Amino acid sequence: MAFVLPPLPYAFAALEPHIDAQTMEIHHDRHHATYVNNLNGAIEKHPELGSRTVEELLSDLQASLFRDALDERERRTLRDPSGYDEMIEYLRDAAGFVAAPWCGRRQCEARVKDDSSATIRCLPLSEPPLESGACVCCGRPAASVAFWAQAY
């Protein structure tokens, strides 16, 4: 099944003076047409996709990209570092996250920022509170796991 560029349901000049007719024609007849042609070209190379709707293809693509992103995040996350020094070294050298127990004190957060330029990026609310464990910064009982990273 080849996808077809639907005709614009109004005249190219219908949106003037906000969008001129030439811009509408270029975007519809060239840009949008290129996307449809590229989609058809991709389906020619993968005929098993030909029976899928655009919505199904986009849903599958989104799910695949999301899985890939989760895998990449996991690959770049150091979990439960052996100590403060390992955490700081990883944060300084790697483009990734450190997931480590944190007591919740601002002083610990400031220390990590001073030593590595990293800050807390996430405190997962969906995870249960820690029942045991010590803060990677100060050794006090940890309240939660914090995800640390440098800003870009």
N, C-alpha and C. Protein backbone atom coordinates (compact mmCIF):
# COMPACT_ATOMS: atom_id res chain seq x y z
N MET A 1 0.85 -1.18 0.00
CA MET A 1 0.00 0.00 0.00
C MET A 1 0.89 1.24 0.00
N ALA A 2 0.76 2.05 -1.01
CA ALA A 2 1.52 3.29 -1.08
C ALA A 2 0.74 4.40 -0.39
N PHE A 3 1.43 5.22 0.35
CA PHE A 3 0.81 6.37 0.98
C PHE A 3 0.72 7.49 -0.03
N VAL A 4 -0.33 8.28 0.07
CA VAL A 4 -0.59 9.34 -0.90
C VAL A 4 -0.67 10.66 -0.15
N LEU A 5 -0.09 11.69 -0.74
CA LEU A 5 -0.19 13.03 -0.17
C LEU A 5 -1.62 13.53 -0.37
N PRO A 6 -2.34 13.79 0.72
CA PRO A 6 -3.71 14.29 0.55
C PRO A 6 -3.68 15.73 0.05
N PRO A 7 -4.67 16.09 -0.73
CA PRO A 7 -4.70 17.48 -1.19
C PRO A 7 -4.97 18.41 -0.01
N LEU A 8 -4.46 19.61 -0.12
CA LEU A 8 -4.73 20.61 0.91
C LEU A 8 -6.22 20.94 0.84
N PRO A 9 -6.94 20.91 1.96
CA PRO A 9 -8.39 21.09 1.92
C PRO A 9 -8.84 22.55 1.74
N TYR A 10 -7.92 23.42 1.42
CA TYR A 10 -8.24 24.83 1.19
C TYR A 10 -7.20 25.39 0.22
N ALA A 11 -7.46 26.56 -0.27
CA ALA A 11 -6.56 27.20 -1.24
C ALA A 11 -5.25 27.59 -0.55
N PHE A 12 -4.17 27.59 -1.31
CA PHE A 12 -2.87 27.98 -0.75
C PHE A 12 -2.93 29.38 -0.13
N ALA A 13 -3.74 30.26 -0.71
CA ALA A 13 -3.82 31.64 -0.24
C ALA A 13 -4.80 31.82 0.92
N ALA A 14 -5.42 30.77 1.38
CA ALA A 14 -6.47 30.89 2.41
C ALA A 14 -5.97 31.45 3.73
N LEU A 15 -4.71 31.32 4.01
CA LEU A 15 -4.19 31.77 5.31
C LEU A 15 -3.50 33.14 5.25
N GLU A 16 -3.56 33.76 4.07
CA GLU A 16 -2.98 35.10 3.97
C GLU A 16 -3.79 36.07 4.80
N PRO A 17 -3.22 37.06 5.40
CA PRO A 17 -1.85 37.54 5.26
C PRO A 17 -0.86 36.89 6.23
N HIS A 18 -1.31 35.93 7.04
CA HIS A 18 -0.43 35.33 8.05
C HIS A 18 0.59 34.40 7.41
N ILE A 19 0.16 33.59 6.48
CA ILE A 19 1.06 32.69 5.73
C ILE A 19 0.73 32.87 4.26
N ASP A 20 1.72 33.26 3.48
CA ASP A 20 1.45 33.54 2.07
C ASP A 20 1.28 32.25 1.27
N ALA A 21 0.68 32.38 0.11
CA ALA A 21 0.36 31.24 -0.75
C ALA A 21 1.61 30.48 -1.17
N GLN A 22 2.69 31.18 -1.47
CA GLN A 22 3.92 30.50 -1.92
C GLN A 22 4.49 29.62 -0.81
N THR A 23 4.47 30.11 0.43
CA THR A 23 4.96 29.31 1.55
C THR A 23 4.11 28.06 1.73
N MET A 24 2.80 28.22 1.64
CA MET A 24 1.91 27.07 1.78
C MET A 24 2.16 26.05 0.67
N GLU A 25 2.35 26.54 -0.55
CA GLU A 25 2.59 25.63 -1.68
C GLU A 25 3.91 24.89 -1.50
N ILE A 26 4.94 25.59 -1.10
CA ILE A 26 6.25 24.95 -0.87
C ILE A 26 6.14 23.89 0.23
N HIS A 27 5.51 24.23 1.33
CA HIS A 27 5.42 23.29 2.45
C HIS A 27 4.57 22.07 2.11
N HIS A 28 3.49 22.28 1.40
CA HIS A 28 2.63 21.15 1.08
C HIS A 28 3.19 20.34 -0.09
N ASP A 29 3.42 21.01 -1.21
CA ASP A 29 3.78 20.29 -2.44
C ASP A 29 5.22 19.81 -2.49
N ARG A 30 6.08 20.40 -1.69
CA ARG A 30 7.48 19.96 -1.70
C ARG A 30 7.85 19.22 -0.41
N HIS A 31 7.75 19.95 0.73
CA HIS A 31 8.18 19.34 2.00
C HIS A 31 7.32 18.13 2.38
N HIS A 32 6.02 18.35 2.47
CA HIS A 32 5.13 17.26 2.87
C HIS A 32 5.20 16.12 1.86
N ALA A 33 5.27 16.46 0.59
CA ALA A 33 5.38 15.43 -0.46
C ALA A 33 6.67 14.62 -0.30
N THR A 34 7.74 15.27 0.06
CA THR A 34 9.01 14.56 0.28
C THR A 34 8.88 13.56 1.42
N TYR A 35 8.21 13.95 2.51
CA TYR A 35 8.02 13.01 3.62
C TYR A 35 7.24 11.78 3.18
N VAL A 36 6.18 12.01 2.42
CA VAL A 36 5.36 10.89 1.94
C VAL A 36 6.18 10.01 0.99
N ASN A 37 6.93 10.62 0.09
CA ASN A 37 7.76 9.85 -0.84
C ASN A 37 8.83 9.05 -0.10
N ASN A 38 9.44 9.65 0.91
CA ASN A 38 10.46 8.94 1.70
C ASN A 38 9.85 7.78 2.47
N LEU A 39 8.65 7.96 2.99
CA LEU A 39 7.95 6.88 3.68
C LEU A 39 7.69 5.73 2.70
N ASN A 40 7.20 6.05 1.52
CA ASN A 40 6.96 5.01 0.52
C ASN A 40 8.26 4.31 0.12
N GLY A 41 9.35 5.06 0.00
CA GLY A 41 10.64 4.45 -0.31
C GLY A 41 11.10 3.50 0.77
N ALA A 42 10.89 3.87 2.03
CA ALA A 42 11.27 3.01 3.14
C ALA A 42 10.43 1.73 3.14
N ILE A 43 9.17 1.86 2.82
CA ILE A 43 8.29 0.68 2.81
C ILE A 43 8.65 -0.25 1.65
N GLU A 44 9.11 0.32 0.54
CA GLU A 44 9.56 -0.54 -0.58
C GLU A 44 10.72 -1.43 -0.13
N LYS A 45 11.58 -0.90 0.72
CA LYS A 45 12.73 -1.67 1.22
C LYS A 45 12.31 -2.67 2.29
N HIS A 46 11.17 -2.44 2.93
CA HIS A 46 10.68 -3.31 4.00
C HIS A 46 9.20 -3.60 3.75
N PRO A 47 8.90 -4.47 2.79
CA PRO A 47 7.50 -4.72 2.40
C PRO A 47 6.61 -5.19 3.55
N GLU A 48 7.19 -5.79 4.58
CA GLU A 48 6.38 -6.25 5.71
C GLU A 48 5.69 -5.09 6.43
N LEU A 49 6.17 -3.87 6.19
CA LEU A 49 5.56 -2.70 6.83
C LEU A 49 4.41 -2.12 6.01
N GLY A 50 4.24 -2.60 4.80
CA GLY A 50 3.28 -2.02 3.88
C GLY A 50 1.83 -2.10 4.32
N SER A 51 1.49 -3.04 5.16
CA SER A 51 0.10 -3.17 5.60
C SER A 51 -0.19 -2.35 6.86
N ARG A 52 0.81 -1.67 7.38
CA ARG A 52 0.65 -0.89 8.62
C ARG A 52 0.14 0.51 8.31
N THR A 53 -0.61 1.07 9.23
CA THR A 53 -1.04 2.46 9.10
C THR A 53 0.09 3.37 9.58
N VAL A 54 0.00 4.64 9.23
CA VAL A 54 0.99 5.61 9.70
C VAL A 54 0.99 5.64 11.22
N GLU A 55 -0.19 5.59 11.82
CA GLU A 55 -0.29 5.61 13.28
C GLU A 55 0.43 4.42 13.91
N GLU A 56 0.27 3.24 13.31
CA GLU A 56 0.95 2.05 13.83
C GLU A 56 2.46 2.16 13.67
N LEU A 57 2.89 2.66 12.51
CA LEU A 57 4.32 2.83 12.28
C LEU A 57 4.92 3.81 13.28
N LEU A 58 4.23 4.93 13.49
CA LEU A 58 4.74 5.94 14.44
C LEU A 58 4.74 5.41 15.87
N SER A 59 3.72 4.66 16.23
CA SER A 59 3.67 4.07 17.57
C SER A 59 4.82 3.10 17.79
N ASP A 60 5.07 2.26 16.79
CA ASP A 60 6.19 1.32 16.89
C ASP A 60 7.52 2.05 16.96
N LEU A 61 7.66 3.09 16.16
CA LEU A 61 8.89 3.87 16.15
C LEU A 61 9.11 4.55 17.50
N GLN A 62 8.06 5.14 18.04
CA GLN A 62 8.17 5.79 19.34
C GLN A 62 8.55 4.79 20.42
N ALA A 63 7.92 3.63 20.42
CA ALA A 63 8.24 2.61 21.43
C ALA A 63 9.68 2.15 21.29
N SER A 64 10.14 1.99 20.07
CA SER A 64 11.52 1.56 19.83
C SER A 64 12.51 2.62 20.31
N LEU A 65 12.24 3.87 19.98
CA LEU A 65 13.13 4.96 20.42
C LEU A 65 13.15 5.06 21.94
N PHE A 66 12.00 4.87 22.57
CA PHE A 66 11.93 4.94 24.03
C PHE A 66 12.75 3.82 24.66
N ARG A 67 12.62 2.60 24.12
CA ARG A 67 13.41 1.47 24.65
C ARG A 67 14.90 1.74 24.47
N ASP A 68 15.28 2.25 23.31
CA ASP A 68 16.69 2.56 23.07
C ASP A 68 17.19 3.63 24.04
N ALA A 69 16.37 4.64 24.31
CA ALA A 69 16.75 5.70 25.24
C ALA A 69 16.92 5.15 26.66
N LEU A 70 16.01 4.29 27.07
CA LEU A 70 16.13 3.67 28.40
C LEU A 70 17.40 2.83 28.50
N ASP A 71 17.68 2.06 27.45
CA ASP A 71 18.91 1.24 27.44
C ASP A 71 20.15 2.12 27.53
N GLU A 72 20.15 3.22 26.78
CA GLU A 72 21.30 4.12 26.80
C GLU A 72 21.45 4.80 28.16
N ARG A 73 20.33 5.22 28.75
CA ARG A 73 20.39 5.81 30.09
C ARG A 73 20.95 4.81 31.09
N GLU A 74 20.50 3.58 31.00
CA GLU A 74 20.97 2.55 31.93
C GLU A 74 22.46 2.29 31.73
N ARG A 75 22.90 2.26 30.47
CA ARG A 75 24.31 2.04 30.17
C ARG A 75 25.19 3.15 30.74
N ARG A 76 24.64 4.36 30.80
CA ARG A 76 25.40 5.52 31.26
C ARG A 76 25.16 5.85 32.74
N THR A 77 24.55 4.94 33.47
CA THR A 77 24.26 5.19 34.89
C THR A 77 25.11 4.29 35.77
N LEU A 78 25.86 4.91 36.65
CA LEU A 78 26.61 4.18 37.68
C LEU A 78 25.68 4.08 38.88
N ARG A 79 25.36 2.86 39.25
CA ARG A 79 24.47 2.65 40.39
C ARG A 79 25.27 2.19 41.61
N ASP A 80 24.90 2.73 42.76
CA ASP A 80 25.52 2.36 44.03
C ASP A 80 27.04 2.39 43.97
N PRO A 81 27.61 3.58 43.77
CA PRO A 81 29.07 3.67 43.75
C PRO A 81 29.66 3.16 45.07
N SER A 82 30.89 2.68 45.02
CA SER A 82 31.53 2.12 46.21
C SER A 82 31.84 3.19 47.25
N GLY A 83 31.87 4.44 46.82
CA GLY A 83 32.14 5.52 47.76
C GLY A 83 32.05 6.86 47.08
N TYR A 84 32.28 7.89 47.88
CA TYR A 84 32.16 9.25 47.38
C TYR A 84 33.16 9.53 46.26
N ASP A 85 34.39 9.06 46.42
CA ASP A 85 35.43 9.33 45.41
C ASP A 85 35.06 8.72 44.05
N GLU A 86 34.54 7.49 44.05
CA GLU A 86 34.14 6.87 42.79
C GLU A 86 33.01 7.67 42.13
N MET A 87 32.07 8.13 42.95
CA MET A 87 30.96 8.92 42.43
C MET A 87 31.46 10.20 41.77
N ILE A 88 32.31 10.92 42.46
CA ILE A 88 32.82 12.19 41.94
C ILE A 88 33.64 11.97 40.68
N GLU A 89 34.48 10.95 40.67
CA GLU A 89 35.29 10.66 39.48
C GLU A 89 34.40 10.35 38.28
N TYR A 90 33.36 9.56 38.48
CA TYR A 90 32.44 9.22 37.39
C TYR A 90 31.73 10.47 36.89
N LEU A 91 31.28 11.31 37.81
CA LEU A 91 30.55 12.51 37.41
C LEU A 91 31.45 13.50 36.67
N ARG A 92 32.71 13.55 37.01
CA ARG A 92 33.64 14.45 36.32
C ARG A 92 33.98 13.96 34.92
N ASP A 93 34.11 12.64 34.75
CA ASP A 93 34.65 12.08 33.52
C ASP A 93 33.61 11.54 32.54
N ALA A 94 32.45 11.16 33.00
CA ALA A 94 31.49 10.49 32.13
C ALA A 94 30.28 11.38 31.85
N ALA A 95 29.73 11.19 30.68
CA ALA A 95 28.47 11.86 30.35
C ALA A 95 27.35 10.91 30.75
N GLY A 96 27.01 10.95 32.02
CA GLY A 96 25.99 10.02 32.50
C GLY A 96 25.50 10.40 33.88
N PHE A 97 24.84 9.45 34.49
CA PHE A 97 24.21 9.65 35.80
C PHE A 97 24.88 8.77 36.85
N VAL A 98 24.74 9.19 38.09
CA VAL A 98 25.08 8.35 39.22
C VAL A 98 23.81 8.25 40.07
N ALA A 99 23.41 7.02 40.36
CA ALA A 99 22.28 6.77 41.25
C ALA A 99 22.86 6.31 42.57
N ALA A 100 22.68 7.14 43.60
CA ALA A 100 23.31 6.84 44.88
C ALA A 100 22.41 7.25 46.03
N PRO A 101 22.55 6.57 47.17
CA PRO A 101 21.78 6.94 48.36
C PRO A 101 22.14 8.35 48.82
N TRP A 102 21.13 9.10 49.23
CA TRP A 102 21.31 10.48 49.66
C TRP A 102 20.46 10.74 50.88
N CYS A 103 21.03 11.47 51.83
CA CYS A 103 20.34 11.73 53.10
C CYS A 103 19.30 12.85 52.99
N GLY A 104 19.38 13.65 51.98
CA GLY A 104 18.43 14.75 51.81
C GLY A 104 18.94 16.09 52.28
N ARG A 105 20.17 16.12 52.82
CA ARG A 105 20.72 17.37 53.33
C ARG A 105 21.28 18.23 52.20
N ARG A 106 21.01 19.53 52.29
CA ARG A 106 21.51 20.47 51.28
C ARG A 106 23.03 20.53 51.27
N GLN A 107 23.64 20.33 52.44
CA GLN A 107 25.10 20.38 52.52
C GLN A 107 25.72 19.30 51.63
N CYS A 108 25.13 18.12 51.62
CA CYS A 108 25.66 17.04 50.79
C CYS A 108 25.49 17.37 49.31
N GLU A 109 24.34 17.90 48.96
CA GLU A 109 24.11 18.29 47.57
C GLU A 109 25.12 19.36 47.14
N ALA A 110 25.37 20.34 48.01
CA ALA A 110 26.32 21.40 47.69
C ALA A 110 27.74 20.85 47.57
N ARG A 111 28.10 19.89 48.40
CA ARG A 111 29.43 19.29 48.34
C ARG A 111 29.66 18.60 47.00
N VAL A 112 28.67 17.83 46.56
CA VAL A 112 28.79 17.14 45.27
C VAL A 112 28.93 18.17 44.15
N LYS A 113 28.14 19.22 44.20
CA LYS A 113 28.20 20.25 43.17
C LYS A 113 29.57 20.93 43.17
N ASP A 114 30.09 21.24 44.34
CA ASP A 114 31.41 21.87 44.44
C ASP A 114 32.51 20.96 43.90
N ASP A 115 32.41 19.67 44.16
CA ASP A 115 33.47 18.74 43.78
C ASP A 115 33.37 18.23 42.35
N SER A 116 32.16 18.33 41.73
CA SER A 116 32.01 17.73 40.40
C SER A 116 31.20 18.56 39.40
N SER A 117 30.61 19.64 39.85
CA SER A 117 29.68 20.45 39.05
C SER A 117 28.36 19.74 38.77
N ALA A 118 28.14 18.58 39.37
CA ALA A 118 26.90 17.83 39.16
C ALA A 118 25.87 18.23 40.20
N THR A 119 24.62 18.12 39.80
CA THR A 119 23.51 18.38 40.71
C THR A 119 22.51 17.22 40.61
N ILE A 120 21.56 17.22 41.51
CA ILE A 120 20.52 16.18 41.47
C ILE A 120 19.61 16.46 40.29
N ARG A 121 19.42 15.45 39.46
CA ARG A 121 18.55 15.55 38.28
C ARG A 121 17.20 14.92 38.52
N CYS A 122 17.13 13.96 39.45
CA CYS A 122 15.88 13.24 39.66
C CYS A 122 15.87 12.60 41.05
N LEU A 123 14.73 12.70 41.70
CA LEU A 123 14.44 11.94 42.91
C LEU A 123 13.22 11.10 42.58
N PRO A 124 13.41 9.85 42.20
CA PRO A 124 12.28 9.03 41.74
C PRO A 124 11.20 8.87 42.80
N LEU A 125 10.05 9.42 42.51
CA LEU A 125 8.95 9.36 43.47
C LEU A 125 8.23 8.01 43.42
N SER A 126 8.44 7.27 42.35
CA SER A 126 7.74 5.99 42.22
C SER A 126 8.43 4.86 42.98
N GLU A 127 9.65 5.11 43.43
CA GLU A 127 10.37 4.08 44.17
C GLU A 127 10.08 4.22 45.66
N PRO A 128 10.00 3.10 46.37
CA PRO A 128 9.75 3.19 47.82
C PRO A 128 10.95 3.81 48.53
N PRO A 129 10.70 4.44 49.68
CA PRO A 129 11.82 5.02 50.45
C PRO A 129 12.81 3.92 50.84
N LEU A 130 14.06 4.32 50.96
CA LEU A 130 15.09 3.37 51.35
C LEU A 130 14.86 2.93 52.80
N GLU A 131 14.98 1.65 53.01
CA GLU A 131 14.82 1.14 54.37
C GLU A 131 16.17 1.05 55.07
N SER A 132 17.23 1.01 54.29
CA SER A 132 18.58 0.99 54.87
C SER A 132 19.52 1.59 53.85
N GLY A 133 20.71 1.87 54.29
CA GLY A 133 21.71 2.45 53.40
C GLY A 133 22.19 3.78 53.94
N ALA A 134 23.40 4.10 53.54
CA ALA A 134 24.01 5.33 54.02
C ALA A 134 24.22 6.29 52.87
N CYS A 135 24.09 7.56 53.17
CA CYS A 135 24.33 8.61 52.19
C CYS A 135 25.75 8.49 51.66
N VAL A 136 25.91 8.53 50.35
CA VAL A 136 27.22 8.39 49.74
C VAL A 136 28.12 9.58 50.07
N CYS A 137 27.52 10.69 50.48
CA CYS A 137 28.30 11.89 50.77
C CYS A 137 28.78 11.97 52.22
N CYS A 138 27.87 11.67 53.18
CA CYS A 138 28.20 11.92 54.58
C CYS A 138 28.10 10.68 55.47
N GLY A 139 27.49 9.61 54.97
CA GLY A 139 27.36 8.39 55.75
C GLY A 139 26.14 8.35 56.65
N ARG A 140 25.37 9.42 56.72
CA ARG A 140 24.13 9.41 57.51
C ARG A 140 23.12 8.47 56.83
N PRO A 141 22.08 8.08 57.56
CA PRO A 141 21.06 7.24 56.93
C PRO A 141 20.46 7.94 55.70
N ALA A 142 20.35 7.21 54.61
CA ALA A 142 19.83 7.77 53.37
C ALA A 142 18.31 7.79 53.39
N ALA A 143 17.75 8.86 52.83
CA ALA A 143 16.30 9.00 52.74
C ALA A 143 15.78 8.48 51.41
N SER A 144 16.60 8.60 50.38
CA SER A 144 16.18 8.19 49.04
C SER A 144 17.40 7.99 48.16
N VAL A 145 17.14 7.53 46.96
CA VAL A 145 18.17 7.46 45.93
C VAL A 145 18.06 8.72 45.10
N ALA A 146 19.16 9.38 44.87
CA ALA A 146 19.20 10.56 44.02
C ALA A 146 19.97 10.23 42.76
N PHE A 147 19.51 10.79 41.64
CA PHE A 147 20.23 10.66 40.37
C PHE A 147 20.95 11.98 40.13
N TRP A 148 22.29 11.90 40.06
CA TRP A 148 23.15 13.06 39.90
C TRP A 148 23.70 13.09 38.48
N ALA A 149 23.91 14.29 37.94
CA ALA A 149 24.55 14.45 36.63
C ALA A 149 24.94 15.90 36.45
N GLN A 150 25.84 16.11 35.51
CA GLN A 150 26.21 17.47 35.14
C GLN A 150 25.23 18.00 34.12
N ALA A 151 25.02 19.30 34.15
CA ALA A 151 24.20 19.94 33.12
C ALA A 151 25.05 20.11 31.87
N TYR A 152 24.40 20.14 30.75
CA TYR A 152 25.14 20.31 29.49
C TYR A 152 25.42 21.76 29.24
